[in-house]
C-alpha atoms as a PDB file:
ATOM      1  CA  UNK A   1     -32.373 157.906  24.350  1.00  0.00           C
ATOM      2  CA  UNK A   2     -30.232 158.630  21.327  1.00  0.00           C
ATOM      3  CA  UNK A   3     -29.797 162.096  20.007  1.00  0.00           C
ATOM      4  CA  UNK A   4     -31.610 162.339  16.627  1.00  0.00           C
ATOM      5  CA  UNK A   5     -29.749 165.428  15.455  1.00  0.00           C
ATOM      6  CA  UNK A   6     -26.990 165.429  12.942  1.00  0.00           C
ATOM      7  CA  UNK A   7     -24.103 167.845  12.956  1.00  0.00           C
ATOM      8  CA  UNK A   8     -21.231 168.273  10.567  1.00  0.00           C
ATOM      9  CA  UNK A   9     -18.945 168.527  13.612  1.00  0.00           C
ATOM     10  CA  UNK A  10     -19.768 165.581  15.859  1.00  0.00           C
ATOM     11  CA  UNK A  11     -17.452 166.913  18.554  1.00  0.00           C
ATOM     12  CA  UNK A  12     -19.629 170.017  18.951  1.00  0.00           C
ATOM     13  CA  UNK A  13     -22.881 168.096  19.394  1.00  0.00           C
ATOM     14  CA  UNK A  14     -24.578 168.667  22.740  1.00  0.00           C
ATOM     15  CA  UNK A  15     -25.755 165.793  24.905  1.00  0.00           C
ATOM     16  CA  UNK A  16     -29.329 165.887  26.236  1.00  0.00           C
ATOM     17  CA  UNK A  17     -28.460 167.665  29.476  1.00  0.00           C
ATOM     18  CA  UNK A  18     -26.326 170.265  27.703  1.00  0.00           C
ATOM     19  CA  UNK A  19     -29.065 170.878  25.136  1.00  0.00           C
ATOM     20  CA  UNK A  20     -31.686 171.310  27.859  1.00  0.00           C
ATOM     21  CA  UNK A  21     -29.476 173.779  29.714  1.00  0.00           C
ATOM     22  CA  UNK A  22     -28.709 175.657  26.472  1.00  0.00           C
ATOM     23  CA  UNK A  23     -32.442 176.030  25.811  1.00  0.00           C
ATOM     24  CA  UNK A  24     -32.942 177.274  29.383  1.00  0.00           C
ATOM     25  CA  UNK A  25     -30.123 179.795  28.894  1.00  0.00           C
ATOM     26  CA  UNK A  26     -31.592 181.111  25.640  1.00  0.00           C
ATOM     27  CA  UNK A  27     -35.161 181.486  26.894  1.00  0.00           C
ATOM     28  CA  UNK A  28     -33.929 183.122  30.108  1.00  0.00           C
ATOM     29  CA  UNK A  29     -31.985 185.691  28.042  1.00  0.00           C
ATOM     30  CA  UNK A  30     -35.244 186.521  26.264  1.00  0.00           C
ATOM     31  CA  UNK A  31     -37.012 187.088  29.584  1.00  0.00           C
ATOM     32  CA  UNK A  32     -39.135 183.944  29.838  1.00  0.00           C
ATOM     33  CA  UNK A  33     -40.354 183.633  33.433  1.00  0.00           C
ATOM     34  CA  UNK A  34     -40.809 180.741  35.864  1.00  0.00           C
ATOM     35  CA  UNK A  35     -38.461 178.463  33.946  1.00  0.00           C
ATOM     36  CA  UNK A  36     -38.478 174.841  35.060  1.00  0.00           C
ATOM     37  CA  UNK A  37     -36.282 172.031  33.737  1.00  0.00           C
ATOM     38  CA  UNK A  38     -37.801 168.605  34.427  1.00  0.00           C
ATOM     39  CA  UNK A  39     -36.092 165.246  33.940  1.00  0.00           C
ATOM     40  CA  UNK A  40     -38.975 163.038  32.783  1.00  0.00           C
ATOM     41  CA  UNK A  41     -36.827 160.079  31.696  1.00  0.00           C
ATOM     42  CA  UNK A  42     -38.211 157.836  34.461  1.00  0.00           C
ATOM     43  CA  UNK A  43     -41.805 158.690  33.507  1.00  0.00           C
ATOM     44  CA  UNK A  44     -41.705 158.393  29.701  1.00  0.00           C
ATOM     45  CA  UNK A  45     -39.582 156.983  26.909  1.00  0.00           C
ATOM     46  CA  UNK A  46     -40.451 159.712  24.382  1.00  0.00           C
ATOM     47  CA  UNK A  47     -38.062 162.341  25.759  1.00  0.00           C
ATOM     48  CA  UNK A  48     -35.613 163.039  28.550  1.00  0.00           C
ATOM     49  CA  UNK A  49     -36.324 166.647  29.518  1.00  0.00           C
ATOM     50  CA  UNK A  50     -39.144 169.167  29.510  1.00  0.00           C
ATOM     51  CA  UNK A  51     -38.258 172.851  29.612  1.00  0.00           C
ATOM     52  CA  UNK A  52     -41.213 174.962  30.713  1.00  0.00           C
ATOM     53  CA  UNK A  53     -41.392 178.736  30.627  1.00  0.00           C
ATOM     54  CA  UNK A  54     -43.968 181.505  30.814  1.00  0.00           C
ATOM     55  CA  UNK A  55     -44.285 184.459  28.453  1.00  0.00           C
ATOM     56  CA  UNK A  56     -46.286 187.660  28.687  1.00  0.00           C
ATOM     57  CA  UNK A  57     -47.539 187.765  25.120  1.00  0.00           C
ATOM     58  CA  UNK A  58     -47.249 186.424  21.590  1.00  0.00           C
ATOM     59  CA  UNK A  59     -44.548 188.913  20.622  1.00  0.00           C
ATOM     60  CA  UNK A  60     -42.274 187.636  23.402  1.00  0.00           C
ATOM     61  CA  UNK A  61     -42.990 184.014  22.461  1.00  0.00           C
ATOM     62  CA  UNK A  62     -42.104 184.770  18.829  1.00  0.00           C
ATOM     63  CA  UNK A  63     -38.832 186.447  19.844  1.00  0.00           C
ATOM     64  CA  UNK A  64     -37.876 183.484  22.022  1.00  0.00           C
ATOM     65  CA  UNK A  65     -38.809 180.978  19.322  1.00  0.00           C
ATOM     66  CA  UNK A  66     -36.888 182.818  16.608  1.00  0.00           C
ATOM     67  CA  UNK A  67     -33.774 183.346  18.726  1.00  0.00           C
ATOM     68  CA  UNK A  68     -33.757 179.747  19.965  1.00  0.00           C
ATOM     69  CA  UNK A  69     -34.142 178.302  16.472  1.00  0.00           C
ATOM     70  CA  UNK A  70     -31.479 180.594  15.043  1.00  0.00           C
ATOM     71  CA  UNK A  71     -28.914 179.920  17.778  1.00  0.00           C
ATOM     72  CA  UNK A  72     -29.386 176.142  17.698  1.00  0.00           C
ATOM     73  CA  UNK A  73     -29.329 176.107  13.886  1.00  0.00           C
ATOM     74  CA  UNK A  74     -26.072 178.059  13.713  1.00  0.00           C
ATOM     75  CA  UNK A  75     -24.250 176.652  16.750  1.00  0.00           C
ATOM     76  CA  UNK A  76     -25.461 173.044  16.721  1.00  0.00           C
ATOM     77  CA  UNK A  77     -26.843 172.495  13.199  1.00  0.00           C
ATOM     78  CA  UNK A  78     -30.176 171.601  14.858  1.00  0.00           C
ATOM     79  CA  UNK A  79     -33.773 172.157  13.986  1.00  0.00           C
ATOM     80  CA  UNK A  80     -36.799 171.118  16.000  1.00  0.00           C
ATOM     81  CA  UNK A  81     -38.270 167.788  14.940  1.00  0.00           C
ATOM     82  CA  UNK A  82     -41.729 169.240  15.340  1.00  0.00           C
ATOM     83  CA  UNK A  83     -43.327 172.498  16.404  1.00  0.00           C
ATOM     84  CA  UNK A  84     -46.885 172.856  17.573  1.00  0.00           C
ATOM     85  CA  UNK A  85     -48.066 176.412  17.978  1.00  0.00           C
ATOM     86  CA  UNK A  86     -51.409 176.494  19.769  1.00  0.00           C
ATOM     87  CA  UNK A  87     -51.070 180.254  20.180  1.00  0.00           C
ATOM     88  CA  UNK A  88     -52.530 180.639  16.689  1.00  0.00           C
ATOM     89  CA  UNK A  89     -55.643 178.840  17.918  1.00  0.00           C
ATOM     90  CA  UNK A  90     -55.890 181.073  20.984  1.00  0.00           C
ATOM     91  CA  UNK A  91     -54.315 178.379  23.118  1.00  0.00           C
ATOM     92  CA  UNK A  92     -51.322 180.275  24.517  1.00  0.00           C
ATOM     93  CA  UNK A  93     -48.910 177.349  24.121  1.00  0.00           C
ATOM     94  CA  UNK A  94     -45.846 176.861  21.912  1.00  0.00           C
ATOM     95  CA  UNK A  95     -44.219 173.416  21.874  1.00  0.00           C
ATOM     96  CA  UNK A  96     -40.878 172.748  20.171  1.00  0.00           C
ATOM     97  CA  UNK A  97     -39.672 169.133  20.076  1.00  0.00           C
ATOM     98  CA  UNK A  98     -35.896 168.734  19.995  1.00  0.00           C
ATOM     99  CA  UNK A  99     -36.002 164.964  20.549  1.00  0.00           C
ATOM    100  CA  UNK A 100     -34.494 164.493  23.986  1.00  0.00           C
ATOM    101  CA  UNK A 101     -35.709 167.959  25.021  1.00  0.00           C
ATOM    102  CA  UNK A 102     -39.201 169.371  24.552  1.00  0.00           C
ATOM    103  CA  UNK A 103     -39.752 173.087  25.116  1.00  0.00           C
ATOM    104  CA  UNK A 104     -43.143 174.308  26.345  1.00  0.00           C
ATOM    105  CA  UNK A 105     -43.753 178.073  26.346  1.00  0.00           C
ATOM    106  CA  UNK A 106     -47.060 179.195  27.828  1.00  0.00           C
ATOM    107  CA  UNK A 107     -48.969 182.279  28.731  1.00  0.00           C
ATOM    108  CA  UNK A 108     -49.599 182.292  32.496  1.00  0.00           C
ATOM    109  CA  UNK A 109     -53.282 181.398  32.084  1.00  0.00           C
ATOM    110  CA  UNK A 110     -52.548 178.444  29.803  1.00  0.00           C
ATOM    111  CA  UNK A 111     -49.776 177.198  32.052  1.00  0.00           C
ATOM    112  CA  UNK A 112     -52.155 177.157  35.023  1.00  0.00           C
ATOM    113  CA  UNK A 113     -54.870 175.454  32.973  1.00  0.00           C
ATOM    114  CA  UNK A 114     -52.720 172.558  31.742  1.00  0.00           C
ATOM    115  CA  UNK A 115     -50.523 172.320  34.877  1.00  0.00           C
ATOM    116  CA  UNK A 116     -47.744 170.219  33.361  1.00  0.00           C
ATOM    117  CA  UNK A 117     -45.760 170.520  36.580  1.00  0.00           C
ATOM    118  CA  UNK A 118     -48.668 168.857  38.384  1.00  0.00           C
ATOM    119  CA  UNK A 119     -49.161 166.203  35.704  1.00  0.00           C
ATOM    120  CA  UNK A 120     -45.453 165.364  35.796  1.00  0.00           C
ATOM    121  CA  UNK A 121     -45.038 165.838  39.553  1.00  0.00           C
ATOM    122  CA  UNK A 122     -43.040 162.601  39.837  1.00  0.00           C
ATOM    123  CA  UNK A 123     -40.379 164.034  37.520  1.00  0.00           C
ATOM    124  CA  UNK A 124     -37.110 165.287  38.964  1.00  0.00           C
ATOM    125  CA  UNK A 125     -36.841 169.083  39.005  1.00  0.00           C
ATOM    126  CA  UNK A 126     -33.342 169.729  37.665  1.00  0.00           C
ATOM    127  CA  UNK A 127     -33.525 173.517  37.658  1.00  0.00           C
ATOM    128  CA  UNK A 128     -36.000 176.220  38.580  1.00  0.00           C
ATOM    129  CA  UNK A 129     -35.567 179.921  37.744  1.00  0.00           C
ATOM    130  CA  UNK A 130     -38.274 182.200  39.092  1.00  0.00           C
END
């Protein structure tokens, strides 16, 4: 899958694996819990990685979202291709699509309800931080 992001400094552009690990690093710094990095490239052609993480509340999700967007904008000249915030609808789920990497932040209840790890159980678990 090609990287859809443009950068003024092509040498600084992250590959898919580096981007996924950078997202993991940022959300871990902001205290997301139960972080899982899944390689879904053998299961779908729409993306390469899912990053899943749990948050305690909306305030934490907002802090993670804002910090992630700011760091990737400054360091990599990247913005998400799409953001879907179901938290506003009481859904407890924030999705940020970075092309080859899709971030899913959930409240614990929503994460159990949708069980993406179960739905994508054939995917390779690259990293798990409890």
